[in-house]
Every structure is written in structure tokens, then in C-alpha cells.
Amino acid sequence: MNSYLQNYLSILIFIIISVGLAVILIILPFLVAKLKPDKEKLSTYECGFENFGNAKKKFDIRFYLVSILFIIFDLEIAFLFPWAVMLKEIALIGFWSMIAFIITLTIGFIYEWKKGALEWE
């Protein structure tokens, strides 16, 4: 039983420190920050003009499709970098595994292209 606790003691300490730090970082701004809003702080920012329309307006589904496609192909690039660096060590099995991965993604990309997911009106 004692060795069981020793194995997980470091994890328990890590969780306690993480929760304590999170609580401190949540409470600290309320204690330190000065809450004195003035005209400049309450004025419109970023674009320079007053808001128009409702902020809860529904977005076109194409925005979501494009973002999903971006994530998929961004992950493809993230997998290609380590593969290219370790190509000598992973030998032929690693090479052909990545080729199968690239072919699968290319087929998916062609399918999305043919279905019109990349078309923008």
C-alpha cells in the first residue's frame, strides 16, 4: 500500500499545486485591479464605430466547413514535419504509412472539392 501511494504522490502534489495556482490566478485580479471605468474604457474599440446588428446572429455554415477543412490540413502538415525529420530512422514502413496517409487525405480533399465544399459565392 505504501509503494502504491508513493507512485501517485507526485501526481497528487501536481494536482494540488495546479488547483492552488488556478484559484490564485482567478482571485488575484479582483484584488489588484482598479475598477474605475471612464468614458474611454466604455467607448467602442477595435473598428471605431458603434455595433450594428445582433451579436448572436447565426453564421453561414460555410465558415464552419472552411474551418474544419483548415484544421484537417493543418494537422496533415503537423504530421509531415516529424515524419520528414525521422525519415531515415523509420525506414520503409514509415515511408509507406505516410504515403497511405497522404493518399487518404488527398482522396478526401478531392471528394470535398467535387461536392463544392470549397466553393464560395
PDB file of N, CA and C in Angstrom:
ATOM      1  N   MET A   1       0.825  -1.205   0.000  1.00  0.00           N
ATOM      2  CA  MET A   1       0.000   0.000   0.000  1.00  0.00           C
ATOM      3  C   MET A   1       0.858   1.253   0.000  1.00  0.00           C
ATOM      4  N   ASN A   2       1.964   1.231   0.719  1.00  0.00           N
ATOM      5  CA  ASN A   2       2.831   2.390   0.816  1.00  0.00           C
ATOM      6  C   ASN A   2       3.483   2.712  -0.532  1.00  0.00           C
ATOM      7  N   SER A   3       3.922   1.684  -1.288  1.00  0.00           N
ATOM      8  CA  SER A   3       4.523   1.927  -2.604  1.00  0.00           C
ATOM      9  C   SER A   3       3.479   2.446  -3.592  1.00  0.00           C
ATOM     10  N   TYR A   4       2.238   2.003  -3.395  1.00  0.00           N
ATOM     11  CA  TYR A   4       1.148   2.485  -4.245  1.00  0.00           C
ATOM     12  C   TYR A   4       0.978   3.989  -4.077  1.00  0.00           C
ATOM     13  N   LEU A   5       1.017   4.480  -2.847  1.00  0.00           N
ATOM     14  CA  LEU A   5       0.882   5.915  -2.582  1.00  0.00           C
ATOM     15  C   LEU A   5       2.093   6.686  -3.082  1.00  0.00           C
ATOM     16  N   GLN A   6       3.277   6.103  -2.976  1.00  0.00           N
ATOM     17  CA  GLN A   6       4.478   6.789  -3.450  1.00  0.00           C
ATOM     18  C   GLN A   6       4.454   6.973  -4.962  1.00  0.00           C
ATOM     19  N   ASN A   7       3.874   6.027  -5.668  1.00  0.00           N
ATOM     20  CA  ASN A   7       3.795   6.139  -7.123  1.00  0.00           C
ATOM     21  C   ASN A   7       2.928   7.312  -7.557  1.00  0.00           C
ATOM     22  N   TYR A   8       1.887   7.598  -6.805  1.00  0.00           N
ATOM     23  CA  TYR A   8       0.945   8.639  -7.194  1.00  0.00           C
ATOM     24  C   TYR A   8       1.090   9.913  -6.381  1.00  0.00           C
ATOM     25  N   LEU A   9       2.067   9.977  -5.501  1.00  0.00           N
ATOM     26  CA  LEU A   9       2.264  11.170  -4.681  1.00  0.00           C
ATOM     27  C   LEU A   9       2.643  12.374  -5.530  1.00  0.00           C
ATOM     28  N   SER A  10       3.508  12.180  -6.525  1.00  0.00           N
ATOM     29  CA  SER A  10       3.905  13.303  -7.375  1.00  0.00           C
ATOM     30  C   SER A  10       2.717  13.838  -8.181  1.00  0.00           C
ATOM     31  N   ILE A  11       1.829  12.952  -8.612  1.00  0.00           N
ATOM     32  CA  ILE A  11       0.639  13.393  -9.346  1.00  0.00           C
ATOM     33  C   ILE A  11      -0.287  14.179  -8.423  1.00  0.00           C
ATOM     34  N   LEU A  12      -0.445  13.706  -7.194  1.00  0.00           N
ATOM     35  CA  LEU A  12      -1.281  14.406  -6.224  1.00  0.00           C
ATOM     36  C   LEU A  12      -0.715  15.795  -5.916  1.00  0.00           C
ATOM     37  N   ILE A  13       0.595  15.891  -5.746  1.00  0.00           N
ATOM     38  CA  ILE A  13       1.225  17.193  -5.493  1.00  0.00           C
ATOM     39  C   ILE A  13       1.022  18.112  -6.691  1.00  0.00           C
ATOM     40  N   PHE A  14       1.185  17.578  -7.898  1.00  0.00           N
ATOM     41  CA  PHE A  14       0.981  18.372  -9.110  1.00  0.00           C
ATOM     42  C   PHE A  14      -0.453  18.897  -9.193  1.00  0.00           C
ATOM     43  N   ILE A  15      -1.433  18.067  -8.881  1.00  0.00           N
ATOM     44  CA  ILE A  15      -2.838  18.490  -8.924  1.00  0.00           C
ATOM     45  C   ILE A  15      -3.105  19.567  -7.880  1.00  0.00           C
ATOM     46  N   ILE A  16      -2.566  19.399  -6.676  1.00  0.00           N
ATOM     47  CA  ILE A  16      -2.771  20.398  -5.616  1.00  0.00           C
ATOM     48  C   ILE A  16      -2.157  21.733  -6.002  1.00  0.00           C
ATOM     49  N   ILE A  17      -0.945  21.715  -6.533  1.00  0.00           N
ATOM     50  CA  ILE A  17      -0.293  22.962  -6.961  1.00  0.00           C
ATOM     51  C   ILE A  17      -1.069  23.591  -8.115  1.00  0.00           C
ATOM     52  N   SER A  18      -1.530  22.794  -9.068  1.00  0.00           N
ATOM     53  CA  SER A  18      -2.278  23.323 -10.215  1.00  0.00           C
ATOM     54  C   SER A  18      -3.578  23.985  -9.781  1.00  0.00           C
ATOM     55  N   VAL A  19      -4.320  23.322  -8.917  1.00  0.00           N
ATOM     56  CA  VAL A  19      -5.591  23.891  -8.443  1.00  0.00           C
ATOM     57  C   VAL A  19      -5.332  25.147  -7.628  1.00  0.00           C
ATOM     58  N   GLY A  20      -4.316  25.113  -6.760  1.00  0.00           N
ATOM     59  CA  GLY A  20      -3.978  26.301  -5.965  1.00  0.00           C
ATOM     60  C   GLY A  20      -3.581  27.474  -6.841  1.00  0.00           C
ATOM     61  N   LEU A  21      -2.752  27.220  -7.854  1.00  0.00           N
ATOM     62  CA  LEU A  21      -2.336  28.290  -8.763  1.00  0.00           C
ATOM     63  C   LEU A  21      -3.523  28.834  -9.549  1.00  0.00           C
ATOM     64  N   ALA A  22      -4.410  27.951  -9.992  1.00  0.00           N
ATOM     65  CA  ALA A  22      -5.592  28.400 -10.733  1.00  0.00           C
ATOM     66  C   ALA A  22      -6.476  29.285  -9.861  1.00  0.00           C
ATOM     67  N   VAL A  23      -6.686  28.897  -8.621  1.00  0.00           N
ATOM     68  CA  VAL A  23      -7.515  29.704  -7.706  1.00  0.00           C
ATOM     69  C   VAL A  23      -6.862  31.065  -7.459  1.00  0.00           C
ATOM     70  N   ILE A  24      -5.555  31.074  -7.255  1.00  0.00           N
ATOM     71  CA  ILE A  24      -4.843  32.344  -7.034  1.00  0.00           C
ATOM     72  C   ILE A  24      -4.957  33.237  -8.259  1.00  0.00           C
ATOM     73  N   LEU A  25      -4.778  32.663  -9.450  1.00  0.00           N
ATOM     74  CA  LEU A  25      -4.840  33.471 -10.669  1.00  0.00           C
ATOM     75  C   LEU A  25      -6.251  33.963 -10.981  1.00  0.00           C
ATOM     76  N   ILE A  26      -7.253  33.315 -10.458  1.00  0.00           N
ATOM     77  CA  ILE A  26      -8.623  33.790 -10.644  1.00  0.00           C
ATOM     78  C   ILE A  26      -8.953  34.896  -9.646  1.00  0.00           C
ATOM     79  N   ILE A  27      -8.514  34.762  -8.412  1.00  0.00           N
ATOM     80  CA  ILE A  27      -8.853  35.726  -7.361  1.00  0.00           C
ATOM     81  C   ILE A  27      -7.980  36.974  -7.417  1.00  0.00           C
ATOM     82  N   LEU A  28      -6.714  36.831  -7.777  1.00  0.00           N
ATOM     83  CA  LEU A  28      -5.760  37.944  -7.752  1.00  0.00           C
ATOM     84  C   LEU A  28      -6.196  39.170  -8.557  1.00  0.00           C
ATOM     85  N   PRO A  29      -6.719  39.057  -9.764  1.00  0.00           N
ATOM     86  CA  PRO A  29      -7.130  40.259 -10.498  1.00  0.00           C
ATOM     87  C   PRO A  29      -8.219  41.066  -9.788  1.00  0.00           C
ATOM     88  N   PHE A  30      -9.114  40.396  -9.071  1.00  0.00           N
ATOM     89  CA  PHE A  30     -10.159  41.119  -8.353  1.00  0.00           C
ATOM     90  C   PHE A  30      -9.575  41.930  -7.200  1.00  0.00           C
ATOM     91  N   LEU A  31      -8.483  41.478  -6.627  1.00  0.00           N
ATOM     92  CA  LEU A  31      -7.858  42.179  -5.515  1.00  0.00           C
ATOM     93  C   LEU A  31      -6.937  43.303  -5.974  1.00  0.00           C
ATOM     94  N   VAL A  32      -6.308  43.140  -7.125  1.00  0.00           N
ATOM     95  CA  VAL A  32      -5.289  44.081  -7.579  1.00  0.00           C
ATOM     96  C   VAL A  32      -5.839  45.132  -8.546  1.00  0.00           C
ATOM     97  N   ALA A  33      -6.765  44.758  -9.397  1.00  0.00           N
ATOM     98  CA  ALA A  33      -7.229  45.645 -10.462  1.00  0.00           C
ATOM     99  C   ALA A  33      -8.026  46.823  -9.917  1.00  0.00           C
ATOM    100  N   LYS A  34      -7.888  47.958 -10.603  1.00  0.00           N
ATOM    101  CA  LYS A  34      -8.666  49.146 -10.263  1.00  0.00           C
ATOM    102  C   LYS A  34      -9.896  49.180 -11.167  1.00  0.00           C
ATOM    103  N   LEU A  35     -11.058  49.145 -10.576  1.00  0.00           N
ATOM    104  CA  LEU A  35     -12.295  49.151 -11.346  1.00  0.00           C
ATOM    105  C   LEU A  35     -12.854  50.565 -11.411  1.00  0.00           C
ATOM    106  N   LYS A  36     -12.261  51.383 -12.267  1.00  0.00           N
ATOM    107  CA  LYS A  36     -12.720  52.765 -12.445  1.00  0.00           C
ATOM    108  C   LYS A  36     -13.005  53.000 -13.927  1.00  0.00           C
ATOM    109  N   PRO A  37     -14.164  52.543 -14.399  1.00  0.00           N
ATOM    110  CA  PRO A  37     -14.468  52.765 -15.815  1.00  0.00           C
ATOM    111  C   PRO A  37     -14.694  54.247 -16.103  1.00  0.00           C
ATOM    112  N   ASP A  38     -14.162  54.702 -17.204  1.00  0.00           N
ATOM    113  CA  ASP A  38     -14.388  56.074 -17.647  1.00  0.00           C
ATOM    114  C   ASP A  38     -14.932  56.042 -19.073  1.00  0.00           C
ATOM    115  N   LYS A  39     -15.060  57.225 -19.652  1.00  0.00           N
ATOM    116  CA  LYS A  39     -15.656  57.328 -20.982  1.00  0.00           C
ATOM    117  C   LYS A  39     -14.842  56.559 -22.019  1.00  0.00           C
ATOM    118  N   GLU A  40     -13.523  56.623 -21.950  1.00  0.00           N
ATOM    119  CA  GLU A  40     -12.671  55.949 -22.926  1.00  0.00           C
ATOM    120  C   GLU A  40     -12.749  54.428 -22.803  1.00  0.00           C
ATOM    121  N   LYS A  41     -12.780  53.935 -21.580  1.00  0.00           N
ATOM    122  CA  LYS A  41     -12.851  52.494 -21.385  1.00  0.00           C
ATOM    123  C   LYS A  41     -14.190  51.913 -21.838  1.00  0.00           C
ATOM    124  N   LEU A  42     -15.240  52.686 -21.749  1.00  0.00           N
ATOM    125  CA  LEU A  42     -16.568  52.215 -22.126  1.00  0.00           C
ATOM    126  C   LEU A  42     -16.909  52.496 -23.584  1.00  0.00           C
ATOM    127  N   SER A  43     -16.040  53.204 -24.284  1.00  0.00           N
ATOM    128  CA  SER A  43     -16.324  53.558 -25.676  1.00  0.00           C
ATOM    129  C   SER A  43     -16.053  52.377 -26.607  1.00  0.00           C
ATOM    130  N   THR A  44     -16.516  52.513 -27.843  1.00  0.00           N
ATOM    131  CA  THR A  44     -16.319  51.489 -28.857  1.00  0.00           C
ATOM    132  C   THR A  44     -14.845  51.401 -29.198  1.00  0.00           C
ATOM    133  N   TYR A  45     -14.394  50.197 -29.400  1.00  0.00           N
ATOM    134  CA  TYR A  45     -12.990  49.989 -29.752  1.00  0.00           C
ATOM    135  C   TYR A  45     -12.884  49.052 -30.947  1.00  0.00           C
ATOM    136  N   GLU A  46     -11.696  48.754 -31.372  1.00  0.00           N
ATOM    137  CA  GLU A  46     -11.333  47.890 -32.483  1.00  0.00           C
ATOM    138  C   GLU A  46     -11.685  48.492 -33.834  1.00  0.00           C
ATOM    139  N   CYS A  47     -12.951  48.615 -34.168  1.00  0.00           N
ATOM    140  CA  CYS A  47     -13.301  49.050 -35.509  1.00  0.00           C
ATOM    141  C   CYS A  47     -13.586  50.550 -35.587  1.00  0.00           C
ATOM    142  N   GLY A  48     -13.872  51.173 -34.476  1.00  0.00           N
ATOM    143  CA  GLY A  48     -14.060  52.617 -34.478  1.00  0.00           C
ATOM    144  C   GLY A  48     -15.486  53.086 -34.657  1.00  0.00           C
ATOM    145  N   PHE A  49     -16.440  52.190 -34.817  1.00  0.00           N
ATOM    146  CA  PHE A  49     -17.828  52.621 -34.937  1.00  0.00           C
ATOM    147  C   PHE A  49     -18.710  51.749 -34.063  1.00  0.00           C
ATOM    148  N   GLU A  50     -19.892  52.231 -33.811  1.00  0.00           N
ATOM    149  CA  GLU A  50     -20.826  51.549 -32.921  1.00  0.00           C
ATOM    150  C   GLU A  50     -21.251  50.201 -33.511  1.00  0.00           C
ATOM    151  N   ASN A  51     -21.631  49.294 -32.627  1.00  0.00           N
ATOM    152  CA  ASN A  51     -22.102  47.985 -33.062  1.00  0.00           C
ATOM    153  C   ASN A  51     -23.369  48.115 -33.890  1.00  0.00           C
ATOM    154  N   PHE A  52     -23.503  47.215 -34.837  1.00  0.00           N
ATOM    155  CA  PHE A  52     -24.742  47.160 -35.596  1.00  0.00           C
ATOM    156  C   PHE A  52     -25.170  45.704 -35.682  1.00  0.00           C
ATOM    157  N   GLY A  53     -26.432  45.476 -35.632  1.00  0.00           N
ATOM    158  CA  GLY A  53     -26.946  44.116 -35.698  1.00  0.00           C
ATOM    159  C   GLY A  53     -26.818  43.392 -34.374  1.00  0.00           C
ATOM    160  N   ASN A  54     -27.228  42.157 -34.384  1.00  0.00           N
ATOM    161  CA  ASN A  54     -27.220  41.330 -33.192  1.00  0.00           C
ATOM    162  C   ASN A  54     -25.950  40.491 -33.161  1.00  0.00           C
ATOM    163  N   ALA A  55     -25.285  40.426 -32.023  1.00  0.00           N
ATOM    164  CA  ALA A  55     -24.060  39.635 -31.901  1.00  0.00           C
ATOM    165  C   ALA A  55     -24.354  38.144 -31.932  1.00  0.00           C
ATOM    166  N   LYS A  56     -25.590  37.760 -31.697  1.00  0.00           N
ATOM    167  CA  LYS A  56     -25.961  36.349 -31.684  1.00  0.00           C
ATOM    168  C   LYS A  56     -26.494  35.881 -33.033  1.00  0.00           C
ATOM    169  N   LYS A  57     -26.209  36.633 -34.074  1.00  0.00           N
ATOM    170  CA  LYS A  57     -26.649  36.288 -35.412  1.00  0.00           C
ATOM    171  C   LYS A  57     -25.981  34.989 -35.858  1.00  0.00           C
ATOM    172  N   LYS A  58     -26.715  34.122 -36.535  1.00  0.00           N
ATOM    173  CA  LYS A  58     -26.175  32.838 -36.974  1.00  0.00           C
ATOM    174  C   LYS A  58     -25.201  33.052 -38.126  1.00  0.00           C
ATOM    175  N   PHE A  59     -24.104  32.288 -38.083  1.00  0.00           N
ATOM    176  CA  PHE A  59     -23.116  32.327 -39.152  1.00  0.00           C
ATOM    177  C   PHE A  59     -23.514  31.361 -40.249  1.00  0.00           C
ATOM    178  N   ASP A  60     -23.021  31.642 -41.428  1.00  0.00           N
ATOM    179  CA  ASP A  60     -23.225  30.732 -42.548  1.00  0.00           C
ATOM    180  C   ASP A  60     -22.446  29.442 -42.271  1.00  0.00           C
ATOM    181  N   ILE A  61     -22.993  28.311 -42.620  1.00  0.00           N
ATOM    182  CA  ILE A  61     -22.371  27.017 -42.363  1.00  0.00           C
ATOM    183  C   ILE A  61     -21.037  26.888 -43.091  1.00  0.00           C
ATOM    184  N   ARG A  62     -20.848  27.641 -44.161  1.00  0.00           N
ATOM    185  CA  ARG A  62     -19.593  27.541 -44.912  1.00  0.00           C
ATOM    186  C   ARG A  62     -18.395  27.985 -44.091  1.00  0.00           C
ATOM    187  N   PHE A  63     -18.586  28.903 -43.138  1.00  0.00           N
ATOM    188  CA  PHE A  63     -17.484  29.294 -42.264  1.00  0.00           C
ATOM    189  C   PHE A  63     -17.000  28.086 -41.460  1.00  0.00           C
ATOM    190  N   TYR A  64     -17.934  27.292 -40.966  1.00  0.00           N
ATOM    191  CA  TYR A  64     -17.576  26.112 -40.189  1.00  0.00           C
ATOM    192  C   TYR A  64     -16.896  25.068 -41.069  1.00  0.00           C
ATOM    193  N   LEU A  65     -17.396  24.881 -42.283  1.00  0.00           N
ATOM    194  CA  LEU A  65     -16.790  23.907 -43.187  1.00  0.00           C
ATOM    195  C   LEU A  65     -15.354  24.283 -43.520  1.00  0.00           C
ATOM    196  N   VAL A  66     -15.131  25.556 -43.804  1.00  0.00           N
ATOM    197  CA  VAL A  66     -13.780  26.000 -44.117  1.00  0.00           C
ATOM    198  C   VAL A  66     -12.867  25.832 -42.915  1.00  0.00           C
ATOM    199  N   SER A  67     -13.358  26.118 -41.719  1.00  0.00           N
ATOM    200  CA  SER A  67     -12.514  25.965 -40.532  1.00  0.00           C
ATOM    201  C   SER A  67     -12.189  24.500 -40.273  1.00  0.00           C
ATOM    202  N   ILE A  68     -13.136  23.614 -40.488  1.00  0.00           N
ATOM    203  CA  ILE A  68     -12.870  22.187 -40.312  1.00  0.00           C
ATOM    204  C   ILE A  68     -11.840  21.708 -41.339  1.00  0.00           C
ATOM    205  N   LEU A  69     -11.978  22.161 -42.572  1.00  0.00           N
ATOM    206  CA  LEU A  69     -11.008  21.793 -43.601  1.00  0.00           C
ATOM    207  C   LEU A  69      -9.620  22.321 -43.248  1.00  0.00           C
ATOM    208  N   PHE A  70      -9.564  23.533 -42.725  1.00  0.00           N
ATOM    209  CA  PHE A  70      -8.282  24.099 -42.329  1.00  0.00           C
ATOM    210  C   PHE A  70      -7.643  23.254 -41.236  1.00  0.00           C
ATOM    211  N   ILE A  71      -8.418  22.842 -40.263  1.00  0.00           N
ATOM    212  CA  ILE A  71      -7.875  22.036 -39.161  1.00  0.00           C
ATOM    213  C   ILE A  71      -7.348  20.704 -39.686  1.00  0.00           C
ATOM    214  N   ILE A  72      -8.081  20.070 -40.579  1.00  0.00           N
ATOM    215  CA  ILE A  72      -7.652  18.781 -41.123  1.00  0.00           C
ATOM    216  C   ILE A  72      -6.322  18.923 -41.847  1.00  0.00           C
ATOM    217  N   PHE A  73      -6.199  19.914 -42.728  1.00  0.00           N
ATOM    218  CA  PHE A  73      -4.978  20.040 -43.498  1.00  0.00           C
ATOM    219  C   PHE A  73      -3.844  20.651 -42.675  1.00  0.00           C
ATOM    220  N   ASP A  74      -4.161  21.382 -41.638  1.00  0.00           N
ATOM    221  CA  ASP A  74      -3.143  21.868 -40.724  1.00  0.00           C
ATOM    222  C   ASP A  74      -2.544  20.701 -39.940  1.00  0.00           C
ATOM    223  N   LEU A  75      -3.386  19.763 -39.527  1.00  0.00           N
ATOM    224  CA  LEU A  75      -2.886  18.570 -38.844  1.00  0.00           C
ATOM    225  C   LEU A  75      -2.055  17.704 -39.775  1.00  0.00           C
ATOM    226  N   GLU A  76      -2.417  17.684 -41.036  1.00  0.00           N
ATOM    227  CA  GLU A  76      -1.612  16.934 -42.003  1.00  0.00           C
ATOM    228  C   GLU A  76      -0.193  17.495 -42.039  1.00  0.00           C
ATOM    229  N   ILE A  77      -0.064  18.793 -42.087  1.00  0.00           N
ATOM    230  CA  ILE A  77       1.261  19.415 -42.097  1.00  0.00           C
ATOM    231  C   ILE A  77       1.983  19.142 -40.783  1.00  0.00           C
ATOM    232  N   ALA A  78       1.253  19.154 -39.677  1.00  0.00           N
ATOM    233  CA  ALA A  78       1.872  18.875 -38.384  1.00  0.00           C
ATOM    234  C   ALA A  78       2.406  17.443 -38.330  1.00  0.00           C
ATOM    235  N   PHE A  79       1.784  16.507 -39.022  1.00  0.00           N
ATOM    236  CA  PHE A  79       2.291  15.139 -39.073  1.00  0.00           C
ATOM    237  C   PHE A  79       3.438  14.989 -40.060  1.00  0.00           C
ATOM    238  N   LEU A  80       3.486  15.832 -41.079  1.00  0.00           N
ATOM    239  CA  LEU A  80       4.533  15.713 -42.089  1.00  0.00           C
ATOM    240  C   LEU A  80       5.904  16.163 -41.580  1.00  0.00           C
ATOM    241  N   PHE A  81       5.962  17.166 -40.723  1.00  0.00           N
ATOM    242  CA  PHE A  81       7.256  17.652 -40.242  1.00  0.00           C
ATOM    243  C   PHE A  81       8.039  16.593 -39.464  1.00  0.00           C
ATOM    244  N   PRO A  82       7.452  15.974 -38.429  1.00  0.00           N
ATOM    245  CA  PRO A  82       8.229  14.947 -37.724  1.00  0.00           C
ATOM    246  C   PRO A  82       8.551  13.753 -38.618  1.00  0.00           C
ATOM    247  N   TRP A  83       7.657  13.427 -39.515  1.00  0.00           N
ATOM    248  CA  TRP A  83       7.905  12.328 -40.441  1.00  0.00           C
ATOM    249  C   TRP A  83       9.112  12.627 -41.309  1.00  0.00           C
ATOM    250  N   ALA A  84       9.203  13.848 -41.825  1.00  0.00           N
ATOM    251  CA  ALA A  84      10.327  14.211 -42.679  1.00  0.00           C
ATOM    252  C   ALA A  84      11.644  14.213 -41.903  1.00  0.00           C
ATOM    253  N   VAL A  85      11.610  14.619 -40.659  1.00  0.00           N
ATOM    254  CA  VAL A  85      12.829  14.653 -39.851  1.00  0.00           C
ATOM    255  C   VAL A  85      13.308  13.238 -39.523  1.00  0.00           C
ATOM    256  N   MET A  86      12.385  12.348 -39.250  1.00  0.00           N
ATOM    257  CA  MET A  86      12.736  10.989 -38.826  1.00  0.00           C
ATOM    258  C   MET A  86      12.696   9.971 -39.970  1.00  0.00           C
ATOM    259  N   LEU A  87      12.696  10.419 -41.193  1.00  0.00           N
ATOM    260  CA  LEU A  87      12.513   9.520 -42.329  1.00  0.00           C
ATOM    261  C   LEU A  87      13.580   8.430 -42.399  1.00  0.00           C
ATOM    262  N   LYS A  88      14.830   8.752 -42.080  1.00  0.00           N
ATOM    263  CA  LYS A  88      15.887   7.731 -42.126  1.00  0.00           C
ATOM    264  C   LYS A  88      15.682   6.655 -41.065  1.00  0.00           C
ATOM    265  N   GLU A  89      15.191   7.035 -39.885  1.00  0.00           N
ATOM    266  CA  GLU A  89      15.043   6.082 -38.793  1.00  0.00           C
ATOM    267  C   GLU A  89      13.802   5.193 -38.935  1.00  0.00           C
ATOM    268  N   ILE A  90      12.762   5.687 -39.581  1.00  0.00           N
ATOM    269  CA  ILE A  90      11.521   4.903 -39.645  1.00  0.00           C
ATOM    270  C   ILE A  90      11.484   3.948 -40.831  1.00  0.00           C
ATOM    271  N   ALA A  91      12.434   4.054 -41.719  1.00  0.00           N
ATOM    272  CA  ALA A  91      12.629   3.126 -42.837  1.00  0.00           C
ATOM    273  C   ALA A  91      11.411   3.071 -43.766  1.00  0.00           C
ATOM    274  N   LEU A  92      11.285   1.971 -44.471  1.00  0.00           N
ATOM    275  CA  LEU A  92      10.237   1.864 -45.496  1.00  0.00           C
ATOM    276  C   LEU A  92       8.829   1.780 -44.921  1.00  0.00           C
ATOM    277  N   ILE A  93       8.670   1.145 -43.770  1.00  0.00           N
ATOM    278  CA  ILE A  93       7.322   1.025 -43.194  1.00  0.00           C
ATOM    279  C   ILE A  93       6.772   2.403 -42.849  1.00  0.00           C
ATOM    280  N   GLY A  94       7.622   3.274 -42.323  1.00  0.00           N
ATOM    281  CA  GLY A  94       7.203   4.635 -42.017  1.00  0.00           C
ATOM    282  C   GLY A  94       6.913   5.432 -43.277  1.00  0.00           C
ATOM    283  N   PHE A  95       7.727   5.217 -44.299  1.00  0.00           N
ATOM    284  CA  PHE A  95       7.515   5.909 -45.566  1.00  0.00           C
ATOM    285  C   PHE A  95       6.176   5.537 -46.178  1.00  0.00           C
ATOM    286  N   TRP A  96       5.894   4.232 -46.267  1.00  0.00           N
ATOM    287  CA  TRP A  96       4.649   3.800 -46.902  1.00  0.00           C
ATOM    288  C   TRP A  96       3.421   4.099 -46.042  1.00  0.00           C
ATOM    289  N   SER A  97       3.601   4.136 -44.734  1.00  0.00           N
ATOM    290  CA  SER A  97       2.490   4.542 -43.868  1.00  0.00           C
ATOM    291  C   SER A  97       2.097   5.990 -44.134  1.00  0.00           C
ATOM    292  N   MET A  98       3.090   6.858 -44.270  1.00  0.00           N
ATOM    293  CA  MET A  98       2.799   8.263 -44.547  1.00  0.00           C
ATOM    294  C   MET A  98       2.240   8.448 -45.952  1.00  0.00           C
ATOM    295  N   ILE A  99       2.713   7.675 -46.899  1.00  0.00           N
ATOM    296  CA  ILE A  99       2.155   7.746 -48.260  1.00  0.00           C
ATOM    297  C   ILE A  99       0.679   7.357 -48.229  1.00  0.00           C
ATOM    298  N   ALA A 100       0.332   6.306 -47.470  1.00  0.00           N
ATOM    299  CA  ALA A 100      -1.083   5.914 -47.343  1.00  0.00           C
ATOM    300  C   ALA A 100      -1.891   7.028 -46.680  1.00  0.00           C
ATOM    301  N   PHE A 101      -1.310   7.685 -45.680  1.00  0.00           N
ATOM    302  CA  PHE A 101      -1.969   8.809 -45.003  1.00  0.00           C
ATOM    303  C   PHE A 101      -2.211   9.959 -45.976  1.00  0.00           C
ATOM    304  N   ILE A 102      -1.196  10.297 -46.764  1.00  0.00           N
ATOM    305  CA  ILE A 102      -1.324  11.403 -47.725  1.00  0.00           C
ATOM    306  C   ILE A 102      -2.343  11.063 -48.806  1.00  0.00           C
ATOM    307  N   ILE A 103      -2.347   9.824 -49.270  1.00  0.00           N
ATOM    308  CA  ILE A 103      -3.322   9.416 -50.292  1.00  0.00           C
ATOM    309  C   ILE A 103      -4.739   9.496 -49.737  1.00  0.00           C
ATOM    310  N   THR A 104      -4.941   9.056 -48.507  1.00  0.00           N
ATOM    311  CA  THR A 104      -6.265   9.144 -47.882  1.00  0.00           C
ATOM    312  C   THR A 104      -6.724  10.591 -47.777  1.00  0.00           C
ATOM    313  N   LEU A 105      -5.844  11.480 -47.344  1.00  0.00           N
ATOM    314  CA  LEU A 105      -6.211  12.897 -47.245  1.00  0.00           C
ATOM    315  C   LEU A 105      -6.459  13.510 -48.619  1.00  0.00           C
ATOM    316  N   THR A 106      -5.685  13.099 -49.603  1.00  0.00           N
ATOM    317  CA  THR A 106      -5.886  13.626 -50.957  1.00  0.00           C
ATOM    318  C   THR A 106      -7.236  13.183 -51.512  1.00  0.00           C
ATOM    319  N   ILE A 107      -7.616  11.945 -51.278  1.00  0.00           N
ATOM    320  CA  ILE A 107      -8.927  11.462 -51.718  1.00  0.00           C
ATOM    321  C   ILE A 107     -10.036  12.252 -51.022  1.00  0.00           C
ATOM    322  N   GLY A 108      -9.872  12.509 -49.736  1.00  0.00           N
ATOM    323  CA  GLY A 108     -10.856  13.319 -49.010  1.00  0.00           C
ATOM    324  C   GLY A 108     -10.936  14.737 -49.549  1.00  0.00           C
ATOM    325  N   PHE A 109      -9.785  15.314 -49.858  1.00  0.00           N
ATOM    326  CA  PHE A 109      -9.755  16.665 -50.416  1.00  0.00           C
ATOM    327  C   PHE A 109     -10.452  16.718 -51.774  1.00  0.00           C
ATOM    328  N   ILE A 110     -10.186  15.740 -52.623  1.00  0.00           N
ATOM    329  CA  ILE A 110     -10.835  15.693 -53.940  1.00  0.00           C
ATOM    330  C   ILE A 110     -12.341  15.518 -53.784  1.00  0.00           C
ATOM    331  N   TYR A 111     -12.767  14.694 -52.846  1.00  0.00           N
ATOM    332  CA  TYR A 111     -14.196  14.499 -52.583  1.00  0.00           C
ATOM    333  C   TYR A 111     -14.851  15.811 -52.152  1.00  0.00           C
ATOM    334  N   GLU A 112     -14.214  16.523 -51.225  1.00  0.00           N
ATOM    335  CA  GLU A 112     -14.758  17.804 -50.771  1.00  0.00           C
ATOM    336  C   GLU A 112     -14.803  18.813 -51.910  1.00  0.00           C
ATOM    337  N   TRP A 113     -13.796  18.803 -52.757  1.00  0.00           N
ATOM    338  CA  TRP A 113     -13.738  19.714 -53.887  1.00  0.00           C
ATOM    339  C   TRP A 113     -14.882  19.415 -54.861  1.00  0.00           C
ATOM    340  N   LYS A 114     -15.100  18.141 -55.148  1.00  0.00           N
ATOM    341  CA  LYS A 114     -16.175  17.753 -56.078  1.00  0.00           C
ATOM    342  C   LYS A 114     -17.548  18.049 -55.512  1.00  0.00           C
ATOM    343  N   LYS A 115     -17.710  17.946 -54.190  1.00  0.00           N
ATOM    344  CA  LYS A 115     -19.001  18.236 -53.552  1.00  0.00           C
ATOM    345  C   LYS A 115     -19.260  19.749 -53.440  1.00  0.00           C
ATOM    346  N   GLY A 116     -18.245  20.569 -53.708  1.00  0.00           N
ATOM    347  CA  GLY A 116     -18.430  22.009 -53.671  1.00  0.00           C
ATOM    348  C   GLY A 116     -18.219  22.635 -52.314  1.00  0.00           C
ATOM    349  N   ALA A 117     -17.566  21.940 -51.394  1.00  0.00           N
ATOM    350  CA  ALA A 117     -17.341  22.493 -50.049  1.00  0.00           C
ATOM    351  C   ALA A 117     -16.376  23.669 -50.079  1.00  0.00           C
ATOM    352  N   LEU A 118     -15.563  23.757 -51.123  1.00  0.00           N
ATOM    353  CA  LEU A 118     -14.592  24.849 -51.212  1.00  0.00           C
ATOM    354  C   LEU A 118     -15.086  26.029 -52.034  1.00  0.00           C
ATOM    355  N   GLU A 119     -16.279  25.896 -52.595  1.00  0.00           N
ATOM    356  CA  GLU A 119     -16.846  26.996 -53.401  1.00  0.00           C
ATOM    357  C   GLU A 119     -17.376  28.092 -52.495  1.00  0.00           C
ATOM    358  N   TRP A 120     -17.126  29.321 -52.881  1.00  0.00           N
ATOM    359  CA  TRP A 120     -17.604  30.460 -52.114  1.00  0.00           C
ATOM    360  C   TRP A 120     -18.339  31.395 -53.058  1.00  0.00           C
ATOM    361  N   GLU A 121     -19.557  31.742 -52.692  1.00  0.00           N
ATOM    362  CA  GLU A 121     -20.369  32.588 -53.598  1.00  0.00           C
ATOM    363  C   GLU A 121     -20.123  34.043 -53.355  1.00  0.00           C
TER     364      GLU A 121
END
